[in-house]
């Protein structure tokens, strides 16, 4: 159960950013031989903030009125 929660949390965290490569770099998929297969050239990605849509609507308990959650 904990393994699933950790994977889900990591996926949510990674999904909350826009990822970009360094300027002028390309993805190299070549591998280095060893006990564990590693990338010959490590991937370097830069996370940039993806601004969430803060116009979600909160509904009152009665469902009659709707107001923004964030200002």
PDB file of N, CA and C in Angstrom:
ATOM      1  N   UNK A   1       0.824  -1.186   0.000  1.00  0.00           N
ATOM      2  CA  UNK A   1       0.000   0.000   0.000  1.00  0.00           C
ATOM      3  C   UNK A   1       0.876   1.261   0.000  1.00  0.00           C
ATOM      4  N   UNK A   2       1.920   1.271   0.824  1.00  0.00           N
ATOM      5  CA  UNK A   2       2.793   2.447   0.896  1.00  0.00           C
ATOM      6  C   UNK A   2       3.504   2.673  -0.434  1.00  0.00           C
ATOM      7  N   UNK A   3       3.867   1.594  -1.124  1.00  0.00           N
ATOM      8  CA  UNK A   3       4.535   1.733  -2.412  1.00  0.00           C
ATOM      9  C   UNK A   3       3.624   2.429  -3.421  1.00  0.00           C
ATOM     10  N   UNK A   4       2.353   2.110  -3.408  1.00  0.00           N
ATOM     11  CA  UNK A   4       1.400   2.753  -4.312  1.00  0.00           C
ATOM     12  C   UNK A   4       1.245   4.230  -3.988  1.00  0.00           C
ATOM     13  N   UNK A   5       1.195   4.558  -2.715  1.00  0.00           N
ATOM     14  CA  UNK A   5       1.022   5.952  -2.309  1.00  0.00           C
ATOM     15  C   UNK A   5       2.249   6.769  -2.695  1.00  0.00           C
ATOM     16  N   UNK A   6       3.441   6.205  -2.514  1.00  0.00           N
ATOM     17  CA  UNK A   6       4.669   6.916  -2.880  1.00  0.00           C
ATOM     18  C   UNK A   6       4.700   7.146  -4.391  1.00  0.00           C
ATOM     19  N   UNK A   7       4.373   6.141  -5.176  1.00  0.00           N
ATOM     20  CA  UNK A   7       4.376   6.297  -6.632  1.00  0.00           C
ATOM     21  C   UNK A   7       3.329   7.320  -7.076  1.00  0.00           C
ATOM     22  N   UNK A   8       2.160   7.278  -6.478  1.00  0.00           N
ATOM     23  CA  UNK A   8       1.103   8.225  -6.818  1.00  0.00           C
ATOM     24  C   UNK A   8       1.515   9.648  -6.440  1.00  0.00           C
ATOM     25  N   UNK A   9       2.114   9.813  -5.275  1.00  0.00           N
ATOM     26  CA  UNK A   9       2.562  11.135  -4.835  1.00  0.00           C
ATOM     27  C   UNK A   9       3.658  11.678  -5.751  1.00  0.00           C
ATOM     28  N   UNK A  10       4.611  10.836  -6.121  1.00  0.00           N
ATOM     29  CA  UNK A  10       5.681  11.251  -7.018  1.00  0.00           C
ATOM     30  C   UNK A  10       5.128  11.625  -8.388  1.00  0.00           C
ATOM     31  N   UNK A  11       4.205  10.826  -8.911  1.00  0.00           N
ATOM     32  CA  UNK A  11       3.599  11.133 -10.212  1.00  0.00           C
ATOM     33  C   UNK A  11       2.836  12.444 -10.167  1.00  0.00           C
ATOM     34  N   UNK A  12       2.122  12.697  -9.088  1.00  0.00           N
ATOM     35  CA  UNK A  12       1.388  13.954  -8.947  1.00  0.00           C
ATOM     36  C   UNK A  12       2.347  15.124  -8.880  1.00  0.00           C
ATOM     37  N   UNK A  13       3.430  14.974  -8.136  1.00  0.00           N
ATOM     38  CA  UNK A  13       4.430  16.026  -8.022  1.00  0.00           C
ATOM     39  C   UNK A  13       5.065  16.330  -9.379  1.00  0.00           C
ATOM     40  N   UNK A  14       5.467  15.288 -10.107  1.00  0.00           N
ATOM     41  CA  UNK A  14       6.096  15.482 -11.409  1.00  0.00           C
ATOM     42  C   UNK A  14       5.131  16.094 -12.423  1.00  0.00           C
ATOM     43  N   UNK A  15       3.864  15.719 -12.324  1.00  0.00           N
ATOM     44  CA  UNK A  15       2.860  16.218 -13.259  1.00  0.00           C
ATOM     45  C   UNK A  15       2.516  17.688 -13.002  1.00  0.00           C
ATOM     46  N   UNK A  16       2.848  18.203 -11.830  1.00  0.00           N
ATOM     47  CA  UNK A  16       2.485  19.579 -11.504  1.00  0.00           C
ATOM     48  C   UNK A  16       3.466  20.602 -12.074  1.00  0.00           C
ATOM     49  N   UNK A  17       4.482  20.151 -12.792  1.00  0.00           N
ATOM     50  CA  UNK A  17       5.459  21.044 -13.423  1.00  0.00           C
ATOM     51  C   UNK A  17       5.438  20.866 -14.927  1.00  0.00           C
ATOM     52  N   UNK A  18       5.862  21.902 -15.644  1.00  0.00           N
ATOM     53  CA  UNK A  18       6.162  21.797 -17.071  1.00  0.00           C
ATOM     54  C   UNK A  18       7.664  21.550 -17.169  1.00  0.00           C
ATOM     55  N   UNK A  19       8.057  20.513 -17.893  1.00  0.00           N
ATOM     56  CA  UNK A  19       9.461  20.135 -17.967  1.00  0.00           C
ATOM     57  C   UNK A  19      10.041  20.541 -19.312  1.00  0.00           C
ATOM     58  N   UNK A  20      11.225  21.159 -19.299  1.00  0.00           N
ATOM     59  CA  UNK A  20      11.908  21.601 -20.511  1.00  0.00           C
ATOM     60  C   UNK A  20      13.354  21.128 -20.484  1.00  0.00           C
ATOM     61  N   UNK A  21      13.912  20.916 -21.662  1.00  0.00           N
ATOM     62  CA  UNK A  21      15.330  20.577 -21.764  1.00  0.00           C
ATOM     63  C   UNK A  21      16.152  21.848 -21.715  1.00  0.00           C
ATOM     64  N   UNK A  22      17.445  21.694 -21.419  1.00  0.00           N
ATOM     65  CA  UNK A  22      18.345  22.838 -21.479  1.00  0.00           C
ATOM     66  C   UNK A  22      18.336  23.394 -22.897  1.00  0.00           C
ATOM     67  N   UNK A  23      18.549  24.684 -23.022  1.00  0.00           N
ATOM     68  CA  UNK A  23      18.513  25.340 -24.326  1.00  0.00           C
ATOM     69  C   UNK A  23      19.539  24.717 -25.270  1.00  0.00           C
ATOM     70  N   UNK A  24      19.076  24.246 -26.405  1.00  0.00           N
ATOM     71  CA  UNK A  24      19.969  23.690 -27.413  1.00  0.00           C
ATOM     72  C   UNK A  24      20.330  22.233 -27.217  1.00  0.00           C
ATOM     73  N   UNK A  25      19.835  21.585 -26.196  1.00  0.00           N
ATOM     74  CA  UNK A  25      20.188  20.181 -25.984  1.00  0.00           C
ATOM     75  C   UNK A  25      19.112  19.267 -26.583  1.00  0.00           C
ATOM     76  N   UNK A  26      19.531  18.049 -26.898  1.00  0.00           N
ATOM     77  CA  UNK A  26      18.627  17.041 -27.443  1.00  0.00           C
ATOM     78  C   UNK A  26      18.685  15.807 -26.551  1.00  0.00           C
ATOM     79  N   UNK A  27      17.638  15.005 -26.597  1.00  0.00           N
ATOM     80  CA  UNK A  27      17.598  13.788 -25.794  1.00  0.00           C
ATOM     81  C   UNK A  27      18.474  12.725 -26.466  1.00  0.00           C
ATOM     82  N   UNK A  28      19.449  12.213 -25.719  1.00  0.00           N
ATOM     83  CA  UNK A  28      20.334  11.148 -26.202  1.00  0.00           C
ATOM     84  C   UNK A  28      19.926   9.864 -25.496  1.00  0.00           C
ATOM     85  N   UNK A  29      19.504   8.857 -26.259  1.00  0.00           N
ATOM     86  CA  UNK A  29      19.031   7.616 -25.665  1.00  0.00           C
ATOM     87  C   UNK A  29      20.091   6.512 -25.649  1.00  0.00           C
ATOM     88  N   UNK A  30      21.359   6.860 -25.883  1.00  0.00           N
ATOM     89  CA  UNK A  30      22.406   5.837 -25.846  1.00  0.00           C
ATOM     90  C   UNK A  30      22.632   5.378 -24.407  1.00  0.00           C
ATOM     91  N   UNK A  31      23.090   4.122 -24.282  1.00  0.00           N
ATOM     92  CA  UNK A  31      23.240   3.508 -22.968  1.00  0.00           C
ATOM     93  C   UNK A  31      24.689   3.147 -22.699  1.00  0.00           C
ATOM     94  N   UNK A  32      25.015   3.049 -21.401  1.00  0.00           N
ATOM     95  CA  UNK A  32      26.348   2.645 -20.966  1.00  0.00           C
ATOM     96  C   UNK A  32      26.206   1.253 -20.360  1.00  0.00           C
ATOM     97  N   UNK A  33      27.052   0.316 -20.795  1.00  0.00           N
ATOM     98  CA  UNK A  33      26.959  -1.062 -20.326  1.00  0.00           C
ATOM     99  C   UNK A  33      27.549  -1.206 -18.928  1.00  0.00           C
ATOM    100  N   UNK A  34      26.885  -1.965 -18.106  1.00  0.00           N
ATOM    101  CA  UNK A  34      27.367  -2.251 -16.762  1.00  0.00           C
ATOM    102  C   UNK A  34      26.411  -3.235 -16.098  1.00  0.00           C
ATOM    103  N   UNK A  35      26.494  -3.357 -14.785  1.00  0.00           N
ATOM    104  CA  UNK A  35      25.565  -4.231 -14.070  1.00  0.00           C
ATOM    105  C   UNK A  35      24.139  -3.721 -14.246  1.00  0.00           C
ATOM    106  N   UNK A  36      24.015  -2.408 -14.201  1.00  0.00           N
ATOM    107  CA  UNK A  36      22.733  -1.749 -14.436  1.00  0.00           C
ATOM    108  C   UNK A  36      22.884  -0.889 -15.680  1.00  0.00           C
ATOM    109  N   UNK A  37      21.907  -0.943 -16.573  1.00  0.00           N
ATOM    110  CA  UNK A  37      21.977  -0.116 -17.788  1.00  0.00           C
ATOM    111  C   UNK A  37      21.709   1.337 -17.413  1.00  0.00           C
ATOM    112  N   UNK A  38      22.663   2.209 -17.693  1.00  0.00           N
ATOM    113  CA  UNK A  38      22.532   3.631 -17.407  1.00  0.00           C
ATOM    114  C   UNK A  38      22.578   4.405 -18.708  1.00  0.00           C
ATOM    115  N   UNK A  39      22.067   5.617 -18.669  1.00  0.00           N
ATOM    116  CA  UNK A  39      22.188   6.498 -19.828  1.00  0.00           C
ATOM    117  C   UNK A  39      23.629   6.968 -19.927  1.00  0.00           C
ATOM    118  N   UNK A  40      24.154   7.007 -21.146  1.00  0.00           N
ATOM    119  CA  UNK A  40      25.523   7.463 -21.344  1.00  0.00           C
ATOM    120  C   UNK A  40      25.648   8.940 -20.959  1.00  0.00           C
ATOM    121  N   UNK A  41      24.675   9.735 -21.365  1.00  0.00           N
ATOM    122  CA  UNK A  41      24.632  11.156 -21.016  1.00  0.00           C
ATOM    123  C   UNK A  41      23.364  11.372 -20.185  1.00  0.00           C
ATOM    124  N   UNK A  42      23.487  11.797 -18.923  1.00  0.00           N
ATOM    125  CA  UNK A  42      22.304  11.958 -18.069  1.00  0.00           C
ATOM    126  C   UNK A  42      21.324  12.990 -18.624  1.00  0.00           C
ATOM    127  N   UNK A  43      20.057  12.738 -18.408  1.00  0.00           N
ATOM    128  CA  UNK A  43      19.015  13.666 -18.828  1.00  0.00           C
ATOM    129  C   UNK A  43      18.948  14.818 -17.829  1.00  0.00           C
ATOM    130  N   UNK A  44      18.984  16.049 -18.339  1.00  0.00           N
ATOM    131  CA  UNK A  44      18.861  17.238 -17.490  1.00  0.00           C
ATOM    132  C   UNK A  44      17.618  17.975 -17.950  1.00  0.00           C
ATOM    133  N   UNK A  45      16.620  18.029 -17.080  1.00  0.00           N
ATOM    134  CA  UNK A  45      15.371  18.718 -17.391  1.00  0.00           C
ATOM    135  C   UNK A  45      15.149  19.814 -16.360  1.00  0.00           C
ATOM    136  N   UNK A  46      14.587  20.908 -16.816  1.00  0.00           N
ATOM    137  CA  UNK A  46      14.350  22.051 -15.940  1.00  0.00           C
ATOM    138  C   UNK A  46      12.852  22.154 -15.654  1.00  0.00           C
ATOM    139  N   UNK A  47      12.459  22.079 -14.380  1.00  0.00           N
ATOM    140  CA  UNK A  47      11.036  22.235 -14.066  1.00  0.00           C
ATOM    141  C   UNK A  47      10.645  23.708 -14.038  1.00  0.00           C
ATOM    142  N   UNK A  48       9.538  24.019 -14.667  1.00  0.00           N
ATOM    143  CA  UNK A  48       8.990  25.364 -14.586  1.00  0.00           C
ATOM    144  C   UNK A  48       7.591  25.253 -14.010  1.00  0.00           C
ATOM    145  N   UNK A  49       7.192  26.260 -13.299  1.00  0.00           N
ATOM    146  CA  UNK A  49       5.899  26.234 -12.619  1.00  0.00           C
ATOM    147  C   UNK A  49       4.770  26.244 -13.631  1.00  0.00           C
ATOM    148  N   UNK A  50       3.838  25.332 -13.444  1.00  0.00           N
ATOM    149  CA  UNK A  50       2.618  25.381 -14.239  1.00  0.00           C
ATOM    150  C   UNK A  50       1.554  25.963 -13.323  1.00  0.00           C
ATOM    151  N   UNK A  51       1.100  27.141 -13.664  1.00  0.00           N
ATOM    152  CA  UNK A  51       0.159  27.847 -12.803  1.00  0.00           C
ATOM    153  C   UNK A  51      -1.198  27.158 -12.839  1.00  0.00           C
ATOM    154  N   UNK A  52      -1.678  26.714 -11.687  1.00  0.00           N
ATOM    155  CA  UNK A  52      -2.989  26.049 -11.670  1.00  0.00           C
ATOM    156  C   UNK A  52      -4.107  27.055 -11.899  1.00  0.00           C
ATOM    157  N   UNK A  53      -5.198  26.563 -12.388  1.00  0.00           N
ATOM    158  CA  UNK A  53      -6.367  27.393 -12.590  1.00  0.00           C
ATOM    159  C   UNK A  53      -7.019  27.626 -11.229  1.00  0.00           C
ATOM    160  N   UNK A  54      -6.956  28.843 -10.735  1.00  0.00           N
ATOM    161  CA  UNK A  54      -7.455  29.144  -9.401  1.00  0.00           C
ATOM    162  C   UNK A  54      -8.902  29.629  -9.412  1.00  0.00           C
ATOM    163  N   UNK A  55      -9.626  29.322 -10.447  1.00  0.00           N
ATOM    164  CA  UNK A  55     -11.020  29.753 -10.514  1.00  0.00           C
ATOM    165  C   UNK A  55     -11.976  28.610 -10.208  1.00  0.00           C
ATOM    166  N   UNK A  56     -11.501  27.645  -9.435  1.00  0.00           N
ATOM    167  CA  UNK A  56     -12.379  26.551  -9.041  1.00  0.00           C
ATOM    168  C   UNK A  56     -13.549  27.119  -8.261  1.00  0.00           C
ATOM    169  N   UNK A  57     -14.631  26.443  -8.285  1.00  0.00           N
ATOM    170  CA  UNK A  57     -15.817  26.912  -7.582  1.00  0.00           C
ATOM    171  C   UNK A  57     -16.080  26.008  -6.377  1.00  0.00           C
ATOM    172  N   UNK A  58     -16.352  26.644  -5.234  1.00  0.00           N
ATOM    173  CA  UNK A  58     -16.731  25.910  -4.033  1.00  0.00           C
ATOM    174  C   UNK A  58     -18.243  26.005  -3.907  1.00  0.00           C
ATOM    175  N   UNK A  59     -18.859  24.912  -3.671  1.00  0.00           N
ATOM    176  CA  UNK A  59     -20.306  24.890  -3.541  1.00  0.00           C
ATOM    177  C   UNK A  59     -20.655  24.784  -2.066  1.00  0.00           C
ATOM    178  N   UNK A  60     -21.629  25.543  -1.653  1.00  0.00           N
ATOM    179  CA  UNK A  60     -22.057  25.474  -0.250  1.00  0.00           C
ATOM    180  C   UNK A  60     -22.695  24.122   0.020  1.00  0.00           C
ATOM    181  N   UNK A  61     -22.911  23.821   1.279  1.00  0.00           N
ATOM    182  CA  UNK A  61     -23.475  22.531   1.653  1.00  0.00           C
ATOM    183  C   UNK A  61     -24.852  22.324   1.050  1.00  0.00           C
ATOM    184  N   UNK A  62     -25.612  23.397   0.898  1.00  0.00           N
ATOM    185  CA  UNK A  62     -26.960  23.271   0.337  1.00  0.00           C
ATOM    186  C   UNK A  62     -26.930  23.244  -1.194  1.00  0.00           C
ATOM    187  N   UNK A  63     -25.811  23.609  -1.785  1.00  0.00           N
ATOM    188  CA  UNK A  63     -25.695  23.585  -3.229  1.00  0.00           C
ATOM    189  C   UNK A  63     -26.409  24.739  -3.908  1.00  0.00           C
ATOM    190  N   UNK A  64     -26.796  25.768  -3.158  1.00  0.00           N
ATOM    191  CA  UNK A  64     -27.557  26.872  -3.738  1.00  0.00           C
ATOM    192  C   UNK A  64     -26.642  27.989  -4.229  1.00  0.00           C
ATOM    193  N   UNK A  65     -25.518  28.214  -3.582  1.00  0.00           N
ATOM    194  CA  UNK A  65     -24.635  29.313  -3.936  1.00  0.00           C
ATOM    195  C   UNK A  65     -23.266  28.767  -4.329  1.00  0.00           C
ATOM    196  N   UNK A  66     -22.613  29.477  -5.207  1.00  0.00           N
ATOM    197  CA  UNK A  66     -21.297  29.090  -5.649  1.00  0.00           C
ATOM    198  C   UNK A  66     -20.375  30.307  -5.521  1.00  0.00           C
ATOM    199  N   UNK A  67     -19.193  30.113  -4.973  1.00  0.00           N
ATOM    200  CA  UNK A  67     -18.243  31.201  -4.803  1.00  0.00           C
ATOM    201  C   UNK A  67     -16.851  30.719  -5.118  1.00  0.00           C
ATOM    202  N   UNK A  68     -15.955  31.607  -5.568  1.00  0.00           N
ATOM    203  CA  UNK A  68     -14.584  31.162  -5.853  1.00  0.00           C
ATOM    204  C   UNK A  68     -13.873  30.710  -4.586  1.00  0.00           C
ATOM    205  N   UNK A  69     -13.046  29.666  -4.706  1.00  0.00           N
ATOM    206  CA  UNK A  69     -12.294  29.165  -3.558  1.00  0.00           C
ATOM    207  C   UNK A  69     -11.107  30.073  -3.248  1.00  0.00           C
ATOM    208  N   UNK A  70     -10.482  30.641  -4.295  1.00  0.00           N
ATOM    209  CA  UNK A  70      -9.266  31.430  -4.126  1.00  0.00           C
ATOM    210  C   UNK A  70      -9.490  32.819  -4.705  1.00  0.00           C
ATOM    211  N   UNK A  71      -8.777  33.777  -4.145  1.00  0.00           N
ATOM    212  CA  UNK A  71      -8.866  35.141  -4.678  1.00  0.00           C
ATOM    213  C   UNK A  71      -7.535  35.546  -5.236  1.00  0.00           C
TER     214      UNK A  71
END
